[in-house]
Structure formats: structure tokens, C-alpha cells
N, C-alpha and C. Protein backbone atom coordinates (compact mmCIF):
# COMPACT_ATOMS: atom_id res chain seq x y z
N MET A 1 92.97 124.76 105.73
CA MET A 1 91.53 124.87 105.91
C MET A 1 91.03 123.66 106.70
N PRO A 2 90.31 123.88 107.78
CA PRO A 2 89.82 122.76 108.59
C PRO A 2 88.72 121.98 107.85
N ILE A 3 88.67 120.70 108.15
CA ILE A 3 87.63 119.82 107.61
C ILE A 3 86.69 119.49 108.76
N THR A 4 85.41 119.56 108.50
CA THR A 4 84.44 119.25 109.54
C THR A 4 83.66 118.00 109.17
N GLY A 5 83.22 117.29 110.19
CA GLY A 5 82.46 116.07 109.93
C GLY A 5 81.49 115.74 111.05
N ASP A 6 80.40 115.13 110.66
CA ASP A 6 79.43 114.59 111.60
C ASP A 6 79.81 113.12 111.79
N PHE A 7 80.14 112.75 113.00
CA PHE A 7 80.68 111.42 113.24
C PHE A 7 79.66 110.39 113.68
N GLU A 8 78.37 110.70 113.55
CA GLU A 8 77.34 109.70 113.83
C GLU A 8 76.05 110.09 113.11
N ALA A 9 75.93 109.65 111.88
CA ALA A 9 74.75 109.94 111.07
C ALA A 9 74.15 108.61 110.61
N TYR A 10 72.85 108.61 110.37
CA TYR A 10 72.15 107.38 109.99
C TYR A 10 71.27 107.61 108.77
N LEU A 11 71.16 106.59 107.94
CA LEU A 11 70.17 106.57 106.87
C LEU A 11 68.96 105.82 107.42
N THR A 12 67.78 106.32 107.14
CA THR A 12 66.58 105.67 107.68
C THR A 12 65.39 105.90 106.76
N ASP A 13 64.43 105.02 106.83
CA ASP A 13 63.23 105.15 106.03
C ASP A 13 62.17 106.01 106.70
N ASN A 14 62.28 106.22 108.01
CA ASN A 14 61.23 106.96 108.70
C ASN A 14 61.81 107.76 109.86
N TRP A 15 62.15 109.00 109.58
CA TRP A 15 62.62 109.92 110.61
C TRP A 15 61.65 111.08 110.62
N TYR A 16 60.77 111.10 111.59
CA TYR A 16 59.70 112.10 111.65
C TYR A 16 58.95 112.16 110.32
N ASP A 17 58.61 110.99 109.79
CA ASP A 17 57.87 110.84 108.54
C ASP A 17 58.65 111.28 107.30
N HIS A 18 59.96 111.29 107.39
CA HIS A 18 60.82 111.62 106.25
C HIS A 18 61.80 110.49 106.01
N GLN A 19 62.07 110.23 104.74
CA GLN A 19 63.10 109.26 104.39
C GLN A 19 64.43 110.00 104.33
N ILE A 20 65.42 109.48 105.02
CA ILE A 20 66.75 110.08 105.00
C ILE A 20 67.63 109.26 104.05
N THR A 21 67.77 109.77 102.84
CA THR A 21 68.64 109.15 101.84
C THR A 21 70.02 109.79 101.96
N VAL A 22 70.98 109.30 101.20
CA VAL A 22 72.31 109.91 101.20
C VAL A 22 72.21 111.37 100.78
N ASP A 23 71.46 111.66 99.72
CA ASP A 23 71.33 113.04 99.26
C ASP A 23 70.68 113.93 100.32
N ALA A 24 69.61 113.44 100.95
CA ALA A 24 68.93 114.22 101.99
C ALA A 24 69.86 114.45 103.18
N LEU A 25 70.59 113.42 103.56
CA LEU A 25 71.52 113.54 104.68
C LEU A 25 72.59 114.58 104.38
N LEU A 26 73.19 114.51 103.19
CA LEU A 26 74.26 115.45 102.86
C LEU A 26 73.76 116.87 102.71
N GLU A 27 72.52 117.04 102.30
CA GLU A 27 71.93 118.38 102.24
C GLU A 27 71.84 118.96 103.65
N CYS A 28 71.37 118.16 104.60
CA CYS A 28 71.30 118.61 106.00
C CYS A 28 72.69 118.87 106.57
N GLU A 29 73.63 117.99 106.25
CA GLU A 29 75.00 118.16 106.75
C GLU A 29 75.62 119.45 106.21
N ALA A 30 75.38 119.75 104.93
CA ALA A 30 75.91 120.98 104.34
C ALA A 30 75.31 122.21 105.01
N GLU A 31 74.01 122.17 105.29
CA GLU A 31 73.35 123.28 105.99
C GLU A 31 73.97 123.51 107.36
N ALA A 32 74.41 122.43 108.00
CA ALA A 32 75.02 122.53 109.33
C ALA A 32 76.52 122.86 109.25
N GLY A 33 77.07 122.91 108.05
CA GLY A 33 78.47 123.27 107.89
C GLY A 33 79.45 122.10 107.92
N PHE A 34 78.94 120.88 107.76
CA PHE A 34 79.81 119.71 107.77
C PHE A 34 80.23 119.34 106.35
N ASP A 35 81.49 118.94 106.21
CA ASP A 35 82.03 118.51 104.91
C ASP A 35 81.80 117.02 104.68
N TYR A 36 81.84 116.24 105.74
CA TYR A 36 81.75 114.78 105.65
C TYR A 36 80.79 114.24 106.70
N ALA A 37 80.30 113.03 106.44
CA ALA A 37 79.44 112.36 107.42
C ALA A 37 79.87 110.90 107.54
N VAL A 38 80.12 110.48 108.77
CA VAL A 38 80.34 109.06 109.05
C VAL A 38 78.94 108.46 109.22
N VAL A 39 78.58 107.56 108.31
CA VAL A 39 77.21 107.05 108.24
C VAL A 39 77.17 105.62 108.75
N MET A 40 76.21 105.36 109.62
CA MET A 40 76.04 104.03 110.21
C MET A 40 74.69 103.45 109.80
N PRO A 41 74.60 102.13 109.72
CA PRO A 41 73.29 101.53 109.43
C PRO A 41 72.39 101.58 110.66
N LYS A 42 71.12 101.36 110.44
CA LYS A 42 70.17 101.29 111.55
C LYS A 42 70.64 100.21 112.52
N THR A 43 70.62 100.53 113.80
CA THR A 43 71.08 99.59 114.82
C THR A 43 70.03 98.50 115.03
N LYS A 44 70.42 97.28 114.75
CA LYS A 44 69.58 96.11 114.99
C LYS A 44 70.51 94.91 115.08
N GLU A 45 69.97 93.75 115.41
CA GLU A 45 70.81 92.57 115.65
C GLU A 45 71.75 92.28 114.48
N ILE A 46 71.22 92.28 113.28
CA ILE A 46 72.07 92.12 112.10
C ILE A 46 71.83 93.34 111.21
N PRO A 47 72.67 94.38 111.36
CA PRO A 47 72.47 95.60 110.59
C PRO A 47 72.70 95.38 109.09
N ASP A 48 72.11 96.24 108.29
CA ASP A 48 72.25 96.15 106.83
C ASP A 48 73.54 96.83 106.39
N ASN A 49 74.67 96.23 106.74
CA ASN A 49 75.97 96.78 106.37
C ASN A 49 76.15 96.80 104.85
N ASP A 50 75.71 95.74 104.16
CA ASP A 50 75.85 95.70 102.70
C ASP A 50 75.08 96.85 102.06
N GLY A 51 73.86 97.08 102.53
CA GLY A 51 73.06 98.18 102.00
C GLY A 51 73.71 99.53 102.25
N LEU A 52 74.29 99.70 103.43
CA LEU A 52 74.97 100.94 103.76
C LEU A 52 76.15 101.18 102.81
N VAL A 53 76.98 100.17 102.63
CA VAL A 53 78.14 100.31 101.75
C VAL A 53 77.68 100.62 100.32
N GLU A 54 76.64 99.94 99.88
CA GLU A 54 76.11 100.17 98.53
C GLU A 54 75.59 101.60 98.37
N LYS A 55 74.83 102.08 99.35
CA LYS A 55 74.23 103.42 99.26
C LYS A 55 75.25 104.54 99.34
N THR A 56 76.35 104.33 100.03
CA THR A 56 77.34 105.39 100.22
C THR A 56 78.54 105.28 99.28
N ALA A 57 78.62 104.22 98.50
CA ALA A 57 79.82 103.93 97.69
C ALA A 57 80.18 105.04 96.71
N ASP A 58 79.21 105.68 96.12
CA ASP A 58 79.49 106.65 95.07
C ASP A 58 79.64 108.08 95.57
N ASN A 59 79.67 108.29 96.87
CA ASN A 59 79.75 109.65 97.38
C ASN A 59 80.99 109.84 98.23
N PRO A 60 81.90 110.72 97.80
CA PRO A 60 83.14 110.92 98.56
C PRO A 60 82.95 111.66 99.88
N HIS A 61 81.74 112.17 100.14
CA HIS A 61 81.49 112.89 101.39
C HIS A 61 80.88 112.01 102.48
N THR A 62 80.72 110.72 102.17
CA THR A 62 80.22 109.78 103.17
C THR A 62 81.30 108.76 103.50
N LEU A 63 81.41 108.44 104.75
CA LEU A 63 82.34 107.43 105.23
C LEU A 63 81.51 106.36 105.94
N PRO A 64 81.28 105.21 105.30
CA PRO A 64 80.45 104.19 105.93
C PRO A 64 81.14 103.55 107.13
N CYS A 65 80.39 103.39 108.19
CA CYS A 65 80.89 102.76 109.41
C CYS A 65 80.01 101.55 109.69
N VAL A 66 80.48 100.36 109.31
CA VAL A 66 79.66 99.17 109.50
C VAL A 66 79.61 98.80 110.97
N LEU A 67 78.53 98.14 111.37
CA LEU A 67 78.36 97.70 112.75
C LEU A 67 78.47 96.18 112.81
N MET A 68 79.13 95.69 113.84
CA MET A 68 79.30 94.24 113.96
C MET A 68 79.14 93.84 115.43
N ASP A 69 78.30 92.87 115.68
CA ASP A 69 78.11 92.32 117.01
C ASP A 69 79.23 91.33 117.28
N PRO A 70 80.08 91.57 118.29
CA PRO A 70 81.19 90.66 118.55
C PRO A 70 80.73 89.25 118.95
N LYS A 71 79.47 89.11 119.34
CA LYS A 71 78.94 87.79 119.70
C LYS A 71 78.76 86.90 118.47
N ARG A 72 78.87 87.46 117.28
CA ARG A 72 78.72 86.65 116.06
C ARG A 72 79.98 85.85 115.76
N GLY A 73 81.03 86.08 116.51
CA GLY A 73 82.25 85.28 116.38
C GLY A 73 82.86 85.32 114.99
N SER A 74 83.29 84.17 114.50
CA SER A 74 84.00 84.11 113.22
C SER A 74 83.12 84.54 112.05
N GLU A 75 81.81 84.32 112.15
CA GLU A 75 80.90 84.78 111.10
C GLU A 75 80.97 86.30 110.98
N GLY A 76 80.97 86.98 112.12
CA GLY A 76 81.08 88.43 112.14
C GLY A 76 82.42 88.91 111.62
N VAL A 77 83.48 88.22 112.00
CA VAL A 77 84.83 88.57 111.52
C VAL A 77 84.90 88.42 110.00
N ASP A 78 84.32 87.35 109.47
CA ASP A 78 84.30 87.14 108.02
C ASP A 78 83.54 88.27 107.31
N ASP A 79 82.38 88.63 107.85
CA ASP A 79 81.61 89.74 107.28
C ASP A 79 82.41 91.03 107.31
N LEU A 80 83.02 91.30 108.43
CA LEU A 80 83.81 92.52 108.58
C LEU A 80 84.95 92.56 107.57
N GLY A 81 85.65 91.45 107.40
CA GLY A 81 86.73 91.38 106.43
C GLY A 81 86.26 91.62 105.01
N ARG A 82 85.08 91.15 104.69
CA ARG A 82 84.51 91.34 103.36
C ARG A 82 84.10 92.79 103.12
N LEU A 83 83.68 93.47 104.17
CA LEU A 83 83.16 94.83 104.03
C LEU A 83 84.24 95.91 104.09
N VAL A 84 85.37 95.59 104.62
CA VAL A 84 86.42 96.61 104.79
C VAL A 84 87.26 96.70 103.55
């Protein structure tokens, strides 16, 4: 049986005046026929990777994809190592 996934999904507080929580996202993904969602934090200089990992930790249908600016150097590498 094939597995389907959305490989670029985001959690956000304001998407057309709607909050996109993990539950809301997965409801939309299920309607579209997806089994899994690769979820990314809102794109900004220092994304909320910790919040993303925390929000998706208890759901086996979400795969958190943290974002890291390579310009952060060793600080970014340390954060990445902690989050993986």
C-alpha cells in the first residue's frame, strides 16, 4: 500500500484568519488524502524550531523539519545537533 505525504506544510497563527494547529493541519491533510505531513516552522531569521518539535512530538503523522540558517555557524550547528 503506498504512503502519501505533504512535504511542505506549516503551522501558523494566521492563515486567512485561521489558526493552523497540528490537529487542523492533519484534518486538511486527511481530506487531501495524505498520510503524513513534513511540517516546517514559520520562515524567519531564527525560526521557532523548539516550538515546532514540541507541537509535533506526540503525533506519528507529523515529521518536523527544522530550519537552520548556515550563517549562524557553530551556534546553528549546536542547535541542529540538539534538535535532531
